[in-house]
Protein backbone atom coordinates (compact mmCIF):
# COMPACT_ATOMS: atom_id res chain seq x y z
CA MET A 1 -23.83 17.45 18.38
CA LYS A 2 -20.75 17.18 20.87
CA LYS A 3 -17.45 18.21 19.84
CA ILE A 4 -14.76 15.48 17.90
CA LEU A 5 -11.74 15.22 19.83
CA ILE A 6 -8.68 13.77 17.81
CA PHE A 7 -5.52 13.59 19.01
CA ILE A 8 -2.68 12.49 16.48
CA VAL A 9 0.98 11.91 17.27
CA SER A 10 3.82 11.37 14.46
CA LEU A 11 6.73 12.47 15.31
CA LEU A 12 8.84 9.46 13.70
CA PRO A 13 10.75 10.66 10.23
CA VAL A 14 9.12 10.27 6.91
CA ILE A 15 9.95 7.73 3.75
CA PRO A 16 10.48 9.14 0.06
CA ALA A 17 7.51 10.04 -1.45
CA LEU A 18 6.21 9.37 -5.06
CA ALA A 19 5.81 13.08 -5.56
CA GLN A 20 6.68 16.15 -3.66
CA GLY A 21 4.02 18.50 -2.02
CA LYS A 22 2.25 19.61 0.75
CA ALA A 23 -0.70 17.36 0.44
CA ASP A 24 1.62 14.51 0.61
CA SER A 25 3.14 15.12 3.93
CA LEU A 26 0.44 13.21 5.65
CA PHE A 27 0.72 10.05 3.88
CA ASN A 28 4.81 10.24 3.54
CA THR A 29 5.35 7.82 6.77
CA ARG A 30 3.51 3.97 7.23
CA VAL A 31 3.89 4.82 10.55
CA PRO A 32 0.53 4.54 12.38
CA LEU A 33 -1.53 8.17 13.29
CA ASP A 34 -2.50 7.45 17.13
CA ILE A 35 -5.51 9.50 17.18
CA GLY A 36 -8.91 9.62 19.28
CA PHE A 37 -12.18 11.09 18.31
CA SER A 38 -15.85 11.31 20.04
CA ILE A 39 -18.95 11.77 18.07
CA SER A 40 -22.55 10.21 18.17
CA VAL A 41 -22.91 7.35 15.78
CA LYS A 42 -26.51 7.37 15.84
CA THR A 43 -26.65 11.47 15.00
CA VAL A 44 -23.97 11.27 12.43
CA LYS A 45 -26.05 7.91 10.33
CA LYS A 46 -29.11 9.18 10.61
CA SER A 47 -28.39 12.63 8.66
CA ASN A 48 -29.61 12.33 5.22
CA VAL A 49 -28.56 15.16 3.49
CA ASP A 50 -25.18 14.75 1.96
CA SER A 51 -24.11 18.18 0.89
CA VAL A 52 -24.16 18.92 5.17
CA TYR A 53 -21.00 18.90 7.28
CA PHE A 54 -21.18 18.82 10.72
CA LYS A 55 -19.10 21.72 12.19
CA GLU A 56 -16.17 20.16 14.65
CA LYS A 57 -12.69 20.67 16.21
CA MET A 58 -10.14 18.96 15.61
CA TYR A 59 -7.39 18.27 18.54
CA TYR A 60 -3.54 16.88 17.27
CA ARG A 61 -0.41 17.11 18.34
CA ASN A 62 2.42 18.20 15.76
CA ALA A 63 5.58 17.39 15.64
CA ALA A 64 6.85 19.65 18.19
CA GLY A 65 5.04 17.72 20.98
CA ILE A 66 2.61 20.96 21.20
CA THR A 67 -1.36 19.77 21.09
CA ASP A 68 -3.41 22.43 18.70
CA SER A 69 -7.04 22.04 16.91
CA LEU A 70 -8.23 22.55 13.86
CA LYS A 71 -11.76 23.28 12.65
CA ILE A 72 -13.31 20.77 10.56
CA GLY A 73 -16.50 19.49 9.13
CA VAL A 74 -17.50 15.94 9.15
CA LYS A 75 -20.58 14.30 7.31
CA ARG A 76 -21.73 10.34 6.61
CA ARG A 77 -20.67 8.48 2.64
CA GLY A 78 -20.74 5.42 1.15
CA ASN A 79 -23.48 3.18 0.34
CA PHE A 80 -23.43 -0.59 1.79
CA ARG A 81 -21.27 -0.21 4.40
CA LEU A 82 -22.91 3.25 5.48
CA LYS A 83 -26.78 0.24 5.50
CA GLN A 84 -24.43 -2.93 6.52
CA CYS A 85 -22.09 -1.81 9.48
CA TYR A 86 -22.39 0.19 13.21
CA PHE A 87 -19.09 2.56 12.44
CA PRO A 88 -20.20 4.79 9.39
CA PRO A 89 -17.74 6.03 6.99
CA LEU A 90 -16.56 9.16 7.06
CA TRP A 91 -15.50 11.97 5.40
CA ILE A 92 -13.36 14.88 7.37
CA LYS A 93 -13.62 18.54 5.41
CA ILE A 94 -10.90 20.85 6.51
CA ASP A 95 -10.60 24.57 5.27
CA LYS A 96 -7.59 26.13 3.64
CA LYS A 97 -6.97 28.42 6.49
CA ASN A 98 -6.93 25.95 8.64
CA ALA A 99 -4.93 23.25 7.63
CA LYS A 100 -1.90 25.98 6.96
CA ASN A 101 1.25 25.06 8.73
CA THR A 102 -0.08 21.71 9.79
CA MET A 103 0.45 18.46 9.28
CA PHE A 104 -2.60 18.54 6.82
CA GLU A 105 -1.51 21.16 4.66
CA GLY A 106 -3.06 20.37 1.28
CA ASN A 107 -5.80 17.73 2.35
CA LYS A 108 -9.35 19.95 2.04
CA LYS A 109 -11.21 16.48 2.00
CA LEU A 110 -10.11 12.85 3.74
CA LYS A 111 -11.73 9.59 3.67
CA LEU A 112 -11.84 7.38 6.72
CA VAL A 113 -12.39 4.26 6.75
CA MET A 114 -13.40 2.32 9.82
CA PRO A 115 -14.28 -1.56 11.02
CA CYS A 116 -17.86 -2.44 10.42
CA ASP A 117 -18.50 -2.93 13.22
CA SER A 118 -16.66 -4.23 17.19
CA ARG A 119 -16.26 -8.12 16.67
CA GLN A 120 -13.33 -9.68 16.93
CA GLY A 121 -11.22 -9.63 13.93
CA SER A 122 -12.31 -6.75 12.69
CA ASN A 123 -9.57 -4.89 13.02
CA ASP A 124 -7.98 -7.29 10.99
CA LEU A 125 -10.20 -6.69 8.14
CA ILE A 126 -9.02 -3.05 8.25
CA LEU A 127 -5.32 -3.94 8.05
CA ARG A 128 -5.95 -6.36 5.11
CA GLU A 129 -7.75 -3.68 3.37
CA TYR A 130 -4.71 -1.09 3.47
CA LEU A 131 -2.95 -4.28 2.21
CA CYS A 132 -4.85 -3.82 -0.80
CA TYR A 133 -4.33 0.43 -0.90
CA ARG A 134 -0.67 -0.75 -0.21
CA LEU A 135 -0.53 -3.22 -3.00
CA TYR A 136 -1.85 -1.01 -5.44
CA GLU A 137 0.79 1.73 -4.43
CA VAL A 138 3.68 -0.77 -5.70
CA ILE A 139 2.09 -1.02 -9.22
CA THR A 140 1.43 2.72 -9.83
CA SER A 141 2.26 5.94 -9.14
CA TYR A 142 -1.81 6.67 -10.19
CA CYS A 143 -3.23 5.41 -6.72
CA PHE A 144 -4.74 6.94 -3.99
CA LYS A 145 -2.38 7.28 -0.85
CA SER A 146 -3.32 5.76 2.37
CA ARG A 147 -2.62 6.08 5.95
CA LEU A 148 -3.37 3.38 8.80
CA VAL A 149 -4.87 4.93 11.73
CA ASN A 150 -5.03 3.82 15.36
CA ILE A 151 -8.37 5.66 16.83
CA ASP A 152 -9.31 5.69 20.36
CA PHE A 153 -13.29 6.05 19.52
CA THR A 154 -15.80 7.47 22.01
CA ASP A 155 -19.38 6.81 20.56
CA GLU A 156 -21.32 9.35 22.25
CA LYS A 157 -24.84 8.05 23.79
CA GLY A 158 -25.58 10.65 26.61
CA ASN A 159 -24.59 9.26 29.86
CA LYS A 160 -23.88 5.63 28.65
CA ASN A 161 -20.40 7.21 26.02
CA LYS A 162 -19.10 3.88 24.59
CA ASP A 163 -15.01 3.50 24.07
CA TYR A 164 -13.17 1.33 21.46
CA GLN A 165 -10.08 0.57 20.49
CA LEU A 166 -10.00 0.80 16.35
CA LYS A 167 -7.95 0.99 13.21
CA GLY A 168 -8.78 2.81 10.34
CA ILE A 169 -7.59 4.49 7.08
CA LEU A 170 -7.50 7.77 5.98
CA ILE A 171 -7.13 8.00 2.32
CA GLU A 172 -6.57 11.32 0.51
CA ASP A 173 -9.42 12.99 -1.67
CA VAL A 174 -9.12 12.29 -5.50
CA ASP A 175 -8.35 15.90 -6.52
CA ILE A 176 -5.00 15.55 -4.89
CA THR A 177 -4.29 12.32 -6.65
CA ALA A 178 -5.11 13.66 -10.03
CA LYS A 179 -3.16 16.75 -9.29
CA ARG A 180 0.31 14.48 -8.52
CA ASN A 181 -0.05 13.12 -11.29
CA GLY A 182 -1.18 16.22 -13.16
CA CYS A 183 -4.08 15.09 -14.46
CA LYS A 184 -7.52 15.90 -14.37
CA THR A 185 -10.20 14.72 -12.00
CA ALA A 186 -13.24 13.28 -13.97
CA SER A 187 -16.72 13.58 -11.66
CA ASP A 188 -19.51 11.56 -12.36
CA VAL A 189 -19.34 10.13 -15.51
CA ARG A 190 -19.68 7.36 -17.60
CA ILE A 191 -17.82 5.89 -20.12
CA SER A 192 -17.25 3.47 -22.87
CA PRO A 193 -14.29 1.21 -22.59
CA MET A 194 -12.63 2.80 -25.37
CA SER A 195 -11.71 6.20 -23.28
CA LEU A 196 -9.41 4.19 -21.03
CA ASN A 197 -5.97 4.12 -21.11
CA ASP A 198 -5.02 1.03 -22.13
CA THR A 199 -1.93 0.23 -20.27
CA PHE A 200 -3.80 1.61 -16.63
CA ALA A 201 -6.63 -0.27 -17.27
CA LEU A 202 -5.21 -3.34 -17.66
CA ARG A 203 -3.48 -2.50 -14.46
CA PHE A 204 -6.69 -1.82 -13.17
CA ASP A 205 -7.81 -5.02 -13.97
CA LEU A 206 -5.15 -7.63 -13.25
CA PHE A 207 -4.73 -5.77 -9.28
CA GLN A 208 -8.13 -6.86 -9.10
CA LEU A 209 -7.55 -10.55 -10.20
CA LEU A 210 -4.18 -10.16 -7.40
CA ILE A 211 -6.86 -9.43 -4.61
CA ALA A 212 -9.15 -11.50 -6.02
CA ASN A 213 -12.40 -8.22 -6.13
CA THR A 214 -14.86 -8.49 -8.29
CA ASP A 215 -17.27 -5.32 -6.97
CA TRP A 216 -16.38 -3.06 -8.96
CA SER A 217 -16.94 -0.99 -12.69
CA LYS A 218 -14.44 1.62 -14.37
CA GLY A 219 -17.77 2.97 -16.24
CA HIS A 220 -20.43 3.34 -13.54
CA GLN A 221 -17.14 4.61 -11.45
CA HIS A 222 -18.43 1.93 -8.54
CA ASN A 223 -15.40 1.71 -6.26
CA SER A 224 -13.64 3.43 -8.77
CA LYS A 225 -12.94 7.09 -9.81
CA LEU A 226 -11.38 8.28 -13.30
CA ILE A 227 -9.22 11.09 -13.31
CA TYR A 228 -8.19 12.66 -17.19
CA HIS A 229 -4.88 13.10 -19.29
CA ASN A 230 -4.30 13.32 -22.91
CA SER A 231 -7.67 12.30 -23.82
CA LYS A 232 -7.87 9.51 -22.20
CA TYR A 233 -9.51 8.12 -18.42
CA ILE A 234 -7.41 6.08 -15.88
CA PRO A 235 -9.34 4.13 -13.58
CA LEU A 236 -8.31 4.22 -9.74
CA PRO A 237 -9.30 2.06 -7.44
CA TYR A 238 -10.80 1.85 -3.51
CA ASP A 239 -12.91 -0.24 -0.97
CA PHE A 240 -11.81 -3.48 -1.20
CA ASP A 241 -13.88 -4.87 1.68
CA MET A 242 -15.60 -7.33 -0.73
CA SER A 243 -11.86 -9.23 -2.11
CA GLY A 244 -10.76 -12.12 -1.29
CA VAL A 245 -7.88 -10.71 0.66
CA VAL A 246 -9.89 -9.23 3.15
CA ASP A 247 -12.39 -11.82 2.75
CA ALA A 248 -14.89 -9.91 5.51
CA PRO A 249 -17.36 -11.92 7.27
CA TYR A 250 -20.62 -9.80 4.66
CA SER A 251 -18.76 -10.28 1.14
CA VAL A 252 -20.98 -11.56 -1.14
CA VAL A 253 -19.93 -13.43 -4.89
CA SER A 254 -20.47 -9.76 -7.23
CA GLN A 255 -23.09 -9.46 -9.89
CA VAL A 256 -23.37 -7.80 -13.08
CA GLY A 257 -26.86 -6.98 -13.90
CA ASN A 258 -29.05 -9.58 -12.09
CA THR A 259 -26.60 -12.28 -13.01
CA GLN A 260 -24.18 -13.69 -10.01
CA LEU A 261 -20.42 -14.75 -11.47
CA PRO A 262 -20.23 -17.93 -12.10
CA ILE A 263 -17.73 -18.49 -8.69
CA GLU A 264 -18.75 -19.47 -5.26
CA SER A 265 -16.86 -17.77 -3.08
CA VAL A 266 -14.82 -14.32 -3.07
CA ARG A 267 -11.48 -16.32 -2.86
CA GLU A 268 -12.12 -17.40 -5.98
CA ARG A 269 -10.50 -15.04 -8.62
CA TYR A 270 -12.24 -14.10 -11.45
CA TYR A 271 -10.93 -12.03 -14.41
CA ARG A 272 -13.69 -9.50 -15.48
CA GLY A 273 -11.24 -7.24 -17.38
CA PHE A 274 -11.61 -6.05 -21.53
CA CYS A 275 -9.42 -7.05 -23.91
CA THR A 276 -6.54 -5.30 -25.08
CA SER A 277 -4.07 -6.00 -27.91
CA ASP A 278 -1.16 -8.54 -27.43
CA GLY A 279 1.32 -5.89 -26.97
CA THR A 280 -0.09 -4.23 -24.15
CA THR A 281 -1.20 -7.47 -22.53
CA GLN A 282 2.32 -9.14 -22.69
CA PHE A 283 4.13 -5.35 -21.41
CA VAL A 284 1.54 -5.37 -18.28
CA ARG A 285 2.20 -9.41 -17.64
CA LYS A 286 6.20 -8.78 -17.38
CA GLU A 287 5.74 -5.49 -15.70
CA PHE A 288 3.72 -7.39 -12.70
CA LEU A 289 5.93 -9.73 -12.51
CA SER A 290 8.98 -7.44 -12.51
CA LYS A 291 7.36 -6.72 -9.35
CA GLU A 292 6.45 -9.68 -7.90
CA GLU A 293 9.05 -9.12 -4.56
CA LYS A 294 8.58 -6.05 -4.08
CA LEU A 295 4.49 -7.18 -4.07
CA LEU A 296 5.13 -9.79 -1.86
CA ALA A 297 6.74 -7.88 0.69
CA VAL A 298 4.27 -5.48 1.22
CA PRO A 299 2.28 -8.45 3.52
CA ASP A 300 5.32 -7.35 5.92
CA GLU A 301 5.11 -3.98 6.80
CA LEU A 302 2.19 -5.89 8.32
CA LYS A 303 3.92 -8.02 11.21
CA GLU A 304 4.04 -5.89 14.43
CA SER A 305 -0.13 -5.91 14.09
CA LEU A 306 -0.75 -9.86 11.99
CA SER A 307 0.51 -13.11 13.53
CA ASP A 308 2.87 -14.80 11.32
CA LYS A 309 0.73 -17.31 10.17
CA GLU A 310 -1.31 -14.31 8.80
CA ILE A 311 1.30 -12.82 7.06
CA LYS A 312 2.50 -16.18 5.94
CA SER A 313 -1.40 -16.85 4.42
CA LEU A 314 -1.57 -13.24 2.61
CA LYS A 315 1.64 -14.13 0.87
CA SER A 316 0.54 -17.70 0.07
CA TYR A 317 -2.83 -15.98 -1.51
CA LEU A 318 -0.19 -13.58 -3.75
CA GLU A 319 1.35 -16.53 -4.75
CA GLU A 320 -1.41 -17.71 -6.41
CA PHE A 321 -1.69 -15.23 -8.65
CA PHE A 322 1.69 -15.02 -9.81
CA GLU A 323 1.29 -18.22 -10.65
CA ILE A 324 -1.09 -17.35 -12.90
CA LEU A 325 0.80 -14.72 -15.05
CA LYS A 326 3.85 -17.41 -14.85
CA ASP A 327 2.33 -19.95 -16.51
CA ASP A 328 1.38 -19.83 -20.43
CA ASP A 329 -2.06 -22.34 -20.18
CA SER A 330 -2.74 -20.39 -16.91
CA PHE A 331 -3.09 -17.47 -18.65
CA LYS A 332 -4.51 -18.09 -20.89
CA ARG A 333 -7.11 -19.94 -19.32
CA GLU A 334 -8.01 -17.59 -16.39
CA ILE A 335 -7.53 -14.02 -18.50
CA LEU A 336 -7.23 -14.27 -21.84
CA ASP A 337 -10.48 -16.63 -22.67
CA ARG A 338 -12.39 -14.63 -19.87
CA CYS A 339 -11.15 -11.07 -20.71
CA ARG A 340 -14.42 -9.04 -22.10
CA PRO A 341 -14.71 -7.56 -25.33
CA LYS A 342 -14.82 -4.00 -26.22
């Protein structure tokens, strides 16, 4: 397999972080990274050994404007998008000694999300998915940090290489998220609702209603990860391409078991959270309402990439969620009456 070449320019000042640490430096700015890399999509997707990384070299431009390089490992990841999409979602692995004194220091593994394909509008779907990550970062620091990337991508096909201009999302590893919040990672476990921290679980559930996403399971860690603190689990959401905010052309209404949820489109909101005490429910409800202005301002971060019409439409869609929270009858009908008993 040929070498991957990635060029990254990040010379602008950073914004304050939720927590300090070397691993945060990559994510402490909203400025997209301009990157470029070259791989054989066919070779990466055909690899069927999950533990094997392709050894490659990554080139990047540091803050001083000097081009440097890193030895990295790259492998495919994911399930649905890996099968249904042309561009594979990737893991990027960086050894500690190679990352030292670079902008990647402290990050051993990174997820890279790319568009499903090169059709018109695919890049916009990535921007909308990035918006979901940003929304949850406003809600809580117990979240995956992410950063947009502009990708100059080359698919190696022998003498017929093909170039693409893609949007992408870099996402930190769950071990970094856990460490930043003083927690431990809980990998490959299945839990009952009683094992979850009620407040964080309800934040998770209301967030999924905010973006109109039903494609998740906290207990089975489907499109979610768990971290552990004070004898309780805290869920972390990711992968939002099936949400109403993203509204991808391949999205379908989720099934629970063999039964499809009683909605006709992913744009319809349907609450799938578990019931909690009235005190916890009203506390988190008020917490969301207190952050309404900040949450509705998040789409403005994409003004340079999305049209004014799209930004306005996104805000309007998010406002519908807050209309449910503000009205007692709607809140009872859409949330309290639909919550699942533990």
